[in-house]
Amino acid sequence: MGYPKDLLSTRAVVKPGLYAVIPKDGLVNNVIPNIVDCRVSIVASPKMGASFVQYIIDVNIGGGTSSPFATEENIESFIYCVNGKIDIKIGDNTDILTDGGYAFAPAGCGLSFKNIGDENAKILLYKQVYIPLEGKEAKICIGNVNNIEYTMIWKMCI
């Protein structure tokens, strides 16, 4: 992937149904209803051939959702805190995510977030259609990757 040839060109490559490579300088800022005081970039969507929608969001201090995200009965969502301090609410559950924090919201629960830190935060937000598994019910899951015990994968295969 070479350098852009002129001012309005991009190095982004989108092959619907296969892949998309979007360099940072190719991200487009989008306006998403009920997400305020944030810079939102859609990095994957059904229009690109994905079966989900994925956003990278720079959340300004005090920014977040003005009403819950992904409240539809058949939509589940996930948030990952790249950096910052994010207050979240899923249904009646509240928590605070810091670097490496994540939360899964089952379909219909909705997810709210707000930057309560003293600097801008960066999050990854994801939503997709929920596909039920017979006999199982999706549950709220909140954690932090930094608290997951490290296991060398090759040892697990022996």
Protein backbone atom coordinates (compact mmCIF):
# COMPACT_ATOMS: atom_id res chain seq x y z
CA MET A 1 0.00 0.00 0.00
CA GLY A 2 1.78 3.13 -1.19
CA TYR A 3 1.34 6.79 -0.37
CA PRO A 4 -1.77 8.64 -1.60
CA LYS A 5 -1.25 10.18 -5.05
CA ASP A 6 -3.25 13.35 -4.41
CA LEU A 7 -5.05 15.30 -1.70
CA LEU A 8 -8.40 13.49 -1.97
CA SER A 9 -7.14 9.93 -2.36
CA THR A 10 -6.91 7.33 0.39
CA ARG A 11 -4.91 4.21 1.11
CA ALA A 12 -8.04 2.43 2.37
CA VAL A 13 -8.98 -0.82 0.63
CA VAL A 14 -12.49 -2.25 0.98
CA LYS A 15 -13.37 -5.61 -0.59
CA PRO A 16 -17.03 -6.21 0.44
CA GLY A 17 -17.54 -9.66 1.90
CA LEU A 18 -13.78 -10.23 2.18
CA TYR A 19 -11.93 -7.55 4.12
CA ALA A 20 -11.37 -3.85 4.74
CA VAL A 21 -8.08 -2.13 5.53
CA ILE A 22 -8.64 1.42 6.72
CA PRO A 23 -5.58 3.37 7.87
CA LYS A 24 -6.08 5.91 10.65
CA ASP A 25 -5.97 8.82 8.20
CA GLY A 26 -8.80 7.16 6.23
CA LEU A 27 -11.28 7.02 9.12
CA VAL A 28 -14.42 9.07 8.56
CA ASN A 29 -16.20 10.79 11.45
CA ASN A 30 -19.86 9.77 11.69
CA VAL A 31 -22.85 11.09 13.60
CA ILE A 32 -24.61 8.29 15.48
CA PRO A 33 -27.92 9.10 17.21
CA ASN A 34 -27.70 9.31 21.02
CA ILE A 35 -23.88 9.22 21.09
CA VAL A 36 -22.82 12.72 22.10
CA ASP A 37 -19.55 14.60 22.48
CA CYS A 38 -17.66 11.78 20.75
CA ARG A 39 -15.76 11.26 17.51
CA VAL A 40 -17.20 8.08 15.99
CA SER A 41 -15.74 6.10 13.10
CA ILE A 42 -17.52 3.07 11.64
CA VAL A 43 -14.87 0.47 10.80
CA ALA A 44 -17.14 -2.45 9.85
CA SER A 45 -20.78 -2.66 8.77
CA PRO A 46 -23.14 -4.69 6.59
CA LYS A 47 -22.52 -2.18 3.77
CA MET A 48 -18.89 -3.38 3.83
CA GLY A 49 -19.97 -7.02 3.84
CA ALA A 50 -19.83 -7.66 7.61
CA SER A 51 -22.68 -9.21 9.61
CA PHE A 52 -22.13 -6.72 12.45
CA VAL A 53 -21.32 -3.05 13.08
CA GLN A 54 -18.09 -2.02 14.78
CA TYR A 55 -17.14 1.50 15.84
CA ILE A 56 -13.96 3.13 17.13
CA ILE A 57 -14.95 6.03 19.36
CA ASP A 58 -12.91 8.84 20.91
CA VAL A 59 -15.02 9.87 23.91
CA ASN A 60 -14.47 13.43 25.11
CA ILE A 61 -14.57 14.16 28.84
CA GLY A 62 -18.24 13.88 29.86
CA GLY A 63 -19.19 12.40 26.47
CA GLY A 64 -21.14 9.19 25.96
CA THR A 65 -24.67 8.01 25.29
CA SER A 66 -27.71 10.22 25.87
CA SER A 67 -29.92 7.11 25.87
CA PRO A 68 -28.99 3.40 25.80
CA PHE A 69 -27.32 1.94 22.71
CA ALA A 70 -28.57 -1.31 21.09
CA THR A 71 -31.88 -1.63 22.94
CA GLU A 72 -33.59 -3.58 20.15
CA GLU A 73 -34.86 -7.01 21.24
CA ASN A 74 -32.64 -8.84 18.75
CA ILE A 75 -29.42 -6.80 19.05
CA GLU A 76 -26.56 -7.64 21.43
CA SER A 77 -23.64 -5.30 22.05
CA PHE A 78 -20.10 -5.22 23.40
CA ILE A 79 -17.83 -2.42 24.61
CA TYR A 80 -14.05 -2.51 25.09
CA CYS A 81 -12.13 0.30 26.79
CA VAL A 82 -8.84 0.85 24.97
CA ASN A 83 -7.92 3.62 27.40
CA GLY A 84 -9.64 5.96 29.81
CA LYS A 85 -12.29 5.64 32.51
CA ILE A 86 -15.78 4.77 31.28
CA ASP A 87 -18.89 4.45 33.44
CA ILE A 88 -21.25 1.84 31.95
CA LYS A 89 -24.81 0.71 32.57
CA ILE A 90 -26.35 -2.49 31.19
CA GLY A 91 -29.92 -3.01 32.31
CA ASP A 92 -29.77 -2.33 36.07
CA ASN A 93 -26.04 -3.14 36.33
CA THR A 94 -23.41 -0.41 36.56
CA ASP A 95 -19.62 -0.62 36.52
CA ILE A 96 -16.52 1.34 35.58
CA LEU A 97 -14.24 0.23 32.75
CA THR A 98 -10.58 1.23 32.63
CA ASP A 99 -7.83 0.23 30.17
CA GLY A 100 -8.62 -3.33 29.02
CA GLY A 101 -12.13 -3.34 30.50
CA TYR A 102 -14.97 -4.92 28.57
CA ALA A 103 -18.69 -5.58 28.88
CA PHE A 104 -21.21 -7.67 26.96
CA ALA A 105 -24.87 -6.65 26.87
CA PRO A 106 -27.34 -9.38 25.87
CA ALA A 107 -30.01 -8.59 23.29
CA GLY A 108 -32.56 -6.06 24.45
CA CYS A 109 -30.60 -4.89 27.54
CA GLY A 110 -29.08 -1.81 25.97
CA LEU A 111 -25.74 -0.31 26.94
CA SER A 112 -25.00 3.20 28.18
CA PHE A 113 -21.55 4.70 28.63
CA LYS A 114 -19.99 7.97 29.80
CA ASN A 115 -16.40 9.15 30.07
CA ILE A 116 -15.93 9.99 33.76
CA GLY A 117 -12.15 10.37 33.52
CA ASP A 118 -10.13 13.56 33.39
CA GLU A 119 -8.93 12.95 29.83
CA ASN A 120 -10.43 11.69 26.57
CA ALA A 121 -11.04 7.95 26.32
CA LYS A 122 -10.99 5.51 23.41
CA ILE A 123 -13.45 2.63 23.13
CA LEU A 124 -14.41 -0.07 20.68
CA LEU A 125 -18.19 -0.54 20.39
CA TYR A 126 -19.77 -3.51 18.61
CA LYS A 127 -23.31 -4.68 17.89
CA GLN A 128 -24.80 -7.61 16.03
CA VAL A 129 -28.01 -9.57 15.62
CA TYR A 130 -28.44 -12.06 18.45
CA ILE A 131 -28.68 -15.69 17.35
CA PRO A 132 -30.12 -17.75 20.23
CA LEU A 133 -28.61 -21.07 21.23
CA GLU A 134 -31.30 -23.54 22.24
CA GLY A 135 -31.40 -24.12 25.98
CA LYS A 136 -28.98 -21.27 26.77
CA GLU A 137 -29.54 -17.68 27.81
CA ALA A 138 -27.04 -14.88 27.20
CA LYS A 139 -25.91 -13.11 30.37
CA ILE A 140 -24.26 -9.79 31.12
CA CYS A 141 -20.49 -10.19 31.27
CA ILE A 142 -18.13 -7.52 32.62
CA GLY A 143 -14.38 -7.92 33.09
CA ASN A 144 -10.89 -6.76 32.23
CA VAL A 145 -8.36 -8.46 29.99
CA ASN A 146 -5.62 -7.53 32.45
CA ASN A 147 -7.23 -9.83 35.04
CA ILE A 148 -7.27 -12.90 32.79
CA GLU A 149 -4.61 -15.42 33.71
CA TYR A 150 -2.04 -15.83 30.96
CA THR A 151 -1.75 -19.35 29.55
CA MET A 152 0.63 -20.29 26.80
CA ILE A 153 -1.53 -21.75 24.05
CA TRP A 154 0.98 -24.38 22.97
CA LYS A 155 0.97 -25.90 26.47
CA MET A 156 -2.79 -26.30 26.22
CA CYS A 157 -2.38 -28.39 23.07
CA ILE A 158 0.05 -30.94 24.57
